[in-house]
Amino acid sequence: MRASQTSYTLPALFVFGLFFLASFARIAYLALFMHDAYLEQSKGPREISVHVEPDRGTIRDRYNRPLVTNQIAYDVGIVFDKIALIPQKRLKNGQKTFPRKEYIETLSTFLSAALEMDRQQIEDLIFSKSALFPNTFFPLKQELGEQLFYKLKMEEKNWPGLDVRMRCKRQYPMGAVGLNILGGVGPIQSSQMAHVQQEMDVLKTFFQERDNGKSVPLPLGFHSLENAQERLLELKKLHYRLNSFVGRGGVEEVHDRYLRGFPGKERFEVDVKGRFLRKLPE
């Protein structure tokens, strides 16, 4: 019995020894010969993509007279990804400090004075929403005055996470004429987001099951395979997000898919700390 156990133990130890030697040799090779190359690569620039909302289409009558157009509006908000680069904890003079929390408090105080808003309200938004979706723009105040916009724009470089941007705002050249028919535009609601996501999940599941060879009926509301494929592609291109604006009521809502357009992306080069270096060509 003991001889049998020994016959199994020795090959196992031999295999384990070979594995250990191979792992040690690999680690030694990376540490001695590839260290500088990988260190330089880690410090090199990286590429990120930023979501860009399209300008909403205009609405005109049959004589090509504008009923709804766009004008520039200025918003200020928070994008948490740069704030996330600030360490949460740090030892300073033997005591534990919280640099990120202190920075958020300082930023909230600055914005509170500039925007005439409650400091605690700004701080709560940063912790409750922005931190959960770090790459999403969350507006603090919309339709700023032009002077305040440029003042805060100059401060962006001094305050990581502060984002001041321009967007298109709907304008009605004929005033209140036909507003009940034209409708309006507003931020997408959570129920709409859930409905869009559910529709995408149903369509994705349908095509996955078809690819696996299963015989499944078309989802409700679709009359052909091509129709379902076009709808799934359209939903992917529309790419609704938490801060997307959609039509509400009237023409704006019925024809939202045509008026909204398809979002795009801008590519940027950043360093290892996420700091902007340059905009990359399309």
Protein backbone atom coordinates (compact mmCIF):
# COMPACT_ATOMS: atom_id res chain seq x y z
CA MET A 1 0.00 0.00 0.00
CA ARG A 2 2.84 2.36 0.92
CA ALA A 3 4.74 1.52 -2.28
CA SER A 4 1.60 2.37 -4.29
CA GLN A 5 1.25 5.76 -2.55
CA THR A 6 4.93 6.52 -3.20
CA SER A 7 4.55 5.73 -6.90
CA TYR A 8 1.81 8.41 -7.16
CA THR A 9 3.48 10.98 -4.91
CA LEU A 10 6.82 11.21 -6.70
CA PRO A 11 5.37 12.06 -10.18
CA ALA A 12 3.05 14.63 -8.56
CA LEU A 13 5.96 16.29 -6.79
CA PHE A 14 7.98 16.23 -10.00
CA VAL A 15 5.14 17.96 -11.96
CA PHE A 16 4.68 20.52 -9.17
CA GLY A 17 8.42 21.20 -9.13
CA LEU A 18 8.48 21.76 -12.90
CA PHE A 19 5.52 24.12 -12.66
CA PHE A 20 7.19 26.06 -9.84
CA LEU A 21 10.47 26.36 -11.78
CA ALA A 22 8.65 27.51 -14.93
CA SER A 23 6.73 30.15 -12.95
CA PHE A 24 9.89 31.33 -11.22
CA ALA A 25 11.74 31.56 -14.55
CA ARG A 26 8.88 33.57 -16.08
CA ILE A 27 8.78 36.01 -13.13
CA ALA A 28 12.57 36.40 -13.23
CA TYR A 29 12.48 37.08 -16.98
CA LEU A 30 9.79 39.76 -16.60
CA ALA A 31 11.53 41.38 -13.62
CA LEU A 32 15.04 41.41 -15.09
CA PHE A 33 14.54 41.89 -18.82
CA MET A 34 11.03 43.31 -19.41
CA HIS A 35 10.62 45.60 -16.39
CA ASP A 36 11.69 48.82 -18.14
CA ALA A 37 9.63 48.10 -21.27
CA TYR A 38 6.40 47.45 -19.35
CA LEU A 39 7.04 50.38 -17.01
CA GLU A 40 7.42 52.72 -19.99
CA GLN A 41 4.30 51.25 -21.59
CA SER A 42 2.26 51.81 -18.40
CA LYS A 43 3.29 55.47 -18.34
CA GLY A 44 2.42 56.01 -21.99
CA PRO A 45 -0.68 57.78 -23.29
CA ARG A 46 -4.01 56.00 -23.50
CA GLU A 47 -7.06 56.46 -25.64
CA ILE A 48 -10.57 57.13 -24.33
CA SER A 49 -13.86 57.72 -26.14
CA VAL A 50 -16.33 60.40 -25.05
CA HIS A 51 -20.03 60.19 -25.89
CA VAL A 52 -21.27 63.20 -27.92
CA GLU A 53 -24.99 63.97 -28.18
CA PRO A 54 -26.13 65.12 -31.65
CA ASP A 55 -27.89 68.43 -32.35
CA ARG A 56 -31.63 67.84 -32.47
CA GLY A 57 -33.32 68.27 -35.83
CA THR A 58 -35.52 71.28 -36.58
CA ILE A 59 -39.26 71.11 -37.29
CA ARG A 60 -40.66 73.04 -40.26
CA ASP A 61 -44.02 73.43 -41.95
CA ARG A 62 -44.75 72.50 -45.57
CA TYR A 63 -43.51 75.90 -46.72
CA ASN A 64 -40.16 75.29 -44.97
CA ARG A 65 -40.87 77.91 -42.32
CA PRO A 66 -39.17 77.00 -39.01
CA LEU A 67 -41.53 76.06 -36.21
CA VAL A 68 -38.90 74.66 -33.83
CA THR A 69 -35.16 75.48 -34.03
CA ASN A 70 -32.13 75.25 -31.74
CA GLN A 71 -30.22 77.84 -29.76
CA ILE A 72 -27.14 77.52 -27.56
CA ALA A 73 -27.58 76.91 -23.83
CA TYR A 74 -24.86 76.66 -21.19
CA ASP A 75 -24.79 74.00 -18.46
CA VAL A 76 -22.44 73.20 -15.59
CA GLY A 77 -22.16 69.78 -14.00
CA ILE A 78 -19.96 67.03 -12.63
CA VAL A 79 -18.18 64.09 -14.29
CA PHE A 80 -16.79 61.93 -11.50
CA ASP A 81 -14.05 60.01 -13.37
CA LYS A 82 -11.39 62.67 -12.72
CA ILE A 83 -12.40 63.01 -9.08
CA ALA A 84 -11.96 59.24 -8.74
CA LEU A 85 -8.23 59.70 -9.46
CA ILE A 86 -7.85 61.51 -6.12
CA PRO A 87 -6.93 58.97 -3.41
CA GLN A 88 -9.63 58.15 -0.88
CA LYS A 89 -7.19 57.77 2.04
CA ARG A 90 -3.65 58.91 2.70
CA LEU A 91 -1.30 58.92 5.67
CA LYS A 92 0.03 62.39 6.48
CA ASN A 93 2.32 62.97 9.45
CA GLY A 94 1.26 59.61 10.84
CA GLN A 95 -2.44 60.45 10.67
CA LYS A 96 -5.07 59.19 8.26
CA THR A 97 -6.51 61.85 5.92
CA PHE A 98 -9.27 61.70 3.29
CA PRO A 99 -8.10 63.78 0.27
CA ARG A 100 -11.06 62.93 -1.99
CA LYS A 101 -13.70 63.81 0.60
CA GLU A 102 -11.87 67.05 1.43
CA TYR A 103 -11.61 67.95 -2.27
CA ILE A 104 -15.34 67.34 -2.85
CA GLU A 105 -16.17 69.57 0.10
CA THR A 106 -13.91 72.32 -1.26
CA LEU A 107 -15.34 71.97 -4.78
CA SER A 108 -18.90 72.08 -3.41
CA THR A 109 -18.11 75.27 -1.49
CA PHE A 110 -16.67 76.90 -4.63
CA LEU A 111 -19.66 75.92 -6.80
CA SER A 112 -22.13 76.91 -4.10
CA ALA A 113 -20.82 80.48 -4.19
CA ALA A 114 -20.57 80.61 -8.00
CA LEU A 115 -24.01 79.10 -8.71
CA GLU A 116 -25.84 80.39 -5.63
CA MET A 117 -26.82 76.87 -4.65
CA ASP A 118 -26.83 74.95 -1.38
CA ARG A 119 -23.41 73.39 -0.74
CA GLN A 120 -24.88 70.23 0.78
CA GLN A 121 -27.10 69.72 -2.26
CA ILE A 122 -24.07 69.82 -4.58
CA GLU A 123 -22.13 67.44 -2.32
CA ASP A 124 -25.04 65.00 -2.19
CA LEU A 125 -25.30 64.93 -5.98
CA ILE A 126 -21.59 64.13 -6.32
CA PHE A 127 -21.75 61.26 -3.83
CA SER A 128 -25.19 59.85 -4.74
CA LYS A 129 -25.24 60.00 -8.55
CA SER A 130 -21.91 60.96 -10.09
CA ALA A 131 -19.94 58.41 -8.08
CA LEU A 132 -22.23 55.61 -9.32
CA PHE A 133 -21.88 56.60 -12.99
CA PRO A 134 -18.36 58.12 -13.20
CA ASN A 135 -18.35 58.74 -16.97
CA THR A 136 -21.77 60.40 -17.10
CA PHE A 137 -22.34 64.17 -17.05
CA PHE A 138 -24.72 65.20 -14.26
CA PRO A 139 -25.88 68.83 -14.56
CA LEU A 140 -25.88 71.00 -11.46
CA LYS A 141 -27.40 74.06 -13.09
CA GLN A 142 -28.68 74.61 -16.61
CA GLU A 143 -29.00 77.66 -18.85
CA LEU A 144 -26.23 79.69 -17.27
CA GLY A 145 -25.55 83.24 -18.33
CA GLU A 146 -22.82 83.60 -20.94
CA GLN A 147 -20.52 85.53 -18.57
CA LEU A 148 -20.78 82.87 -15.84
CA PHE A 149 -20.26 80.11 -18.42
CA TYR A 150 -16.92 81.51 -19.57
CA LYS A 151 -15.86 82.25 -16.01
CA LEU A 152 -16.43 78.62 -14.97
CA LYS A 153 -14.95 77.34 -18.22
CA MET A 154 -11.68 79.01 -17.28
CA GLU A 155 -11.83 77.24 -13.90
CA GLU A 156 -12.21 73.73 -15.35
CA LYS A 157 -8.45 73.12 -15.40
CA ASN A 158 -8.21 73.94 -11.68
CA TRP A 159 -11.09 71.73 -10.56
CA PRO A 160 -11.00 68.06 -11.66
CA GLY A 161 -14.51 66.77 -12.29
CA LEU A 162 -15.98 70.19 -13.08
CA ASP A 163 -17.54 70.10 -16.55
CA VAL A 164 -18.96 73.18 -18.27
CA ARG A 165 -20.50 72.57 -21.67
CA MET A 166 -22.74 73.94 -24.39
CA ARG A 167 -25.86 72.20 -25.66
CA CYS A 168 -28.77 72.87 -27.96
CA LYS A 169 -31.97 74.27 -26.48
CA ARG A 170 -35.28 74.27 -28.34
CA GLN A 171 -36.51 77.65 -29.58
CA TYR A 172 -39.97 78.46 -30.96
CA PRO A 173 -39.82 81.32 -33.49
CA MET A 174 -43.62 81.63 -33.57
CA GLY A 175 -44.02 81.70 -29.81
CA ALA A 176 -46.81 79.62 -28.31
CA VAL A 177 -48.44 78.88 -31.69
CA GLY A 178 -49.05 75.13 -31.98
CA LEU A 179 -47.10 74.14 -28.88
CA ASN A 180 -49.71 71.54 -27.93
CA ILE A 181 -49.10 69.89 -31.32
CA LEU A 182 -45.32 70.37 -31.49
CA GLY A 183 -44.62 69.11 -27.96
CA GLY A 184 -41.43 69.70 -26.02
CA VAL A 185 -38.10 68.18 -25.00
CA GLY A 186 -36.90 66.99 -21.57
CA PRO A 187 -34.52 64.56 -19.83
CA ILE A 188 -35.31 60.91 -20.38
CA GLN A 189 -37.26 59.34 -17.52
CA SER A 190 -36.21 56.18 -15.72
CA SER A 191 -39.33 54.39 -16.97
CA GLN A 192 -38.41 55.21 -20.58
CA MET A 193 -34.85 53.97 -20.02
CA ALA A 194 -36.21 50.74 -18.55
CA HIS A 195 -38.58 50.28 -21.51
CA VAL A 196 -35.77 50.80 -24.06
CA GLN A 197 -33.47 48.41 -22.19
CA GLN A 198 -36.22 45.79 -21.96
CA GLU A 199 -36.89 46.03 -25.71
CA MET A 200 -33.18 45.63 -26.46
CA ASP A 201 -32.94 42.60 -24.15
CA VAL A 202 -35.94 40.94 -25.83
CA LEU A 203 -34.46 41.46 -29.30
CA LYS A 204 -30.97 40.32 -28.27
CA THR A 205 -32.38 37.17 -26.67
CA PHE A 206 -34.46 36.47 -29.79
CA PHE A 207 -31.42 36.64 -32.12
CA GLN A 208 -29.21 34.65 -29.73
CA GLU A 209 -31.77 31.83 -29.64
CA ARG A 210 -32.03 31.89 -33.44
CA ASP A 211 -28.24 31.69 -33.73
CA ASN A 212 -28.33 28.63 -31.43
CA GLY A 213 -30.68 26.90 -33.86
CA LYS A 214 -33.89 27.29 -31.86
CA SER A 215 -37.22 27.94 -33.55
CA VAL A 216 -38.63 31.00 -31.78
CA PRO A 217 -41.49 33.32 -32.81
CA LEU A 218 -40.90 36.97 -33.63
CA PRO A 219 -41.21 39.37 -30.67
CA LEU A 220 -44.55 41.15 -30.34
CA GLY A 221 -44.95 44.12 -32.66
CA PHE A 222 -42.59 42.83 -35.37
CA HIS A 223 -43.78 41.32 -38.65
CA SER A 224 -40.48 40.25 -40.19
CA LEU A 225 -36.93 39.32 -39.28
CA GLU A 226 -35.59 42.35 -41.16
CA ASN A 227 -37.88 44.65 -39.18
CA ALA A 228 -36.55 43.26 -35.87
CA GLN A 229 -32.93 43.59 -37.04
CA GLU A 230 -33.46 47.20 -38.09
CA ARG A 231 -35.06 48.06 -34.74
CA LEU A 232 -32.20 46.50 -32.73
CA LEU A 233 -29.62 48.34 -34.82
CA GLU A 234 -31.56 51.59 -34.40
CA LEU A 235 -31.71 51.21 -30.60
CA LYS A 236 -27.96 50.58 -30.48
CA LYS A 237 -27.29 53.69 -32.57
CA LEU A 238 -29.67 55.90 -30.54
CA HIS A 239 -27.69 54.87 -27.43
CA TYR A 240 -29.96 56.42 -24.78
CA ARG A 241 -28.18 57.47 -21.58
CA LEU A 242 -29.24 58.80 -18.18
CA ASN A 243 -28.65 62.40 -19.31
CA SER A 244 -30.21 62.09 -22.78
CA PHE A 245 -32.96 64.51 -23.87
CA VAL A 246 -36.02 63.08 -25.61
CA GLY A 247 -39.27 64.38 -27.07
CA ARG A 248 -42.24 64.79 -24.76
CA GLY A 249 -45.66 65.01 -26.35
CA GLY A 250 -46.73 65.96 -29.86
CA VAL A 251 -44.43 65.82 -32.88
CA GLU A 252 -41.32 65.85 -30.69
CA GLU A 253 -42.27 62.53 -29.06
CA VAL A 254 -43.86 60.77 -32.06
CA HIS A 255 -40.84 61.48 -34.29
CA ASP A 256 -38.18 61.48 -31.58
CA ARG A 257 -36.12 58.78 -33.31
CA TYR A 258 -35.73 61.00 -36.39
CA LEU A 259 -35.32 64.34 -34.61
CA ARG A 260 -32.80 63.12 -32.04
CA GLY A 261 -30.29 61.76 -34.52
CA PHE A 262 -27.52 59.31 -33.71
CA PRO A 263 -24.94 60.09 -31.01
CA GLY A 264 -21.27 60.08 -31.92
CA LYS A 265 -17.94 59.71 -30.15
CA GLU A 266 -14.82 61.80 -29.80
CA ARG A 267 -11.48 60.14 -29.15
CA PHE A 268 -8.95 61.69 -26.78
CA GLU A 269 -5.46 60.79 -25.69
CA VAL A 270 -4.86 60.93 -21.93
CA ASP A 271 -1.92 60.13 -19.69
CA VAL A 272 -1.84 57.42 -17.02
CA LYS A 273 -3.59 59.75 -14.55
CA GLY A 274 -6.42 60.53 -16.99
CA ARG A 275 -5.23 64.04 -17.80
CA PHE A 276 -6.11 65.31 -21.26
CA LEU A 277 -3.24 65.38 -23.80
CA ARG A 278 -4.83 65.91 -27.21
CA LYS A 279 -7.88 65.19 -29.33
CA LEU A 280 -7.38 62.34 -31.79
CA PRO A 281 -8.54 62.57 -35.43
CA GLU A 282 -11.80 60.93 -36.40
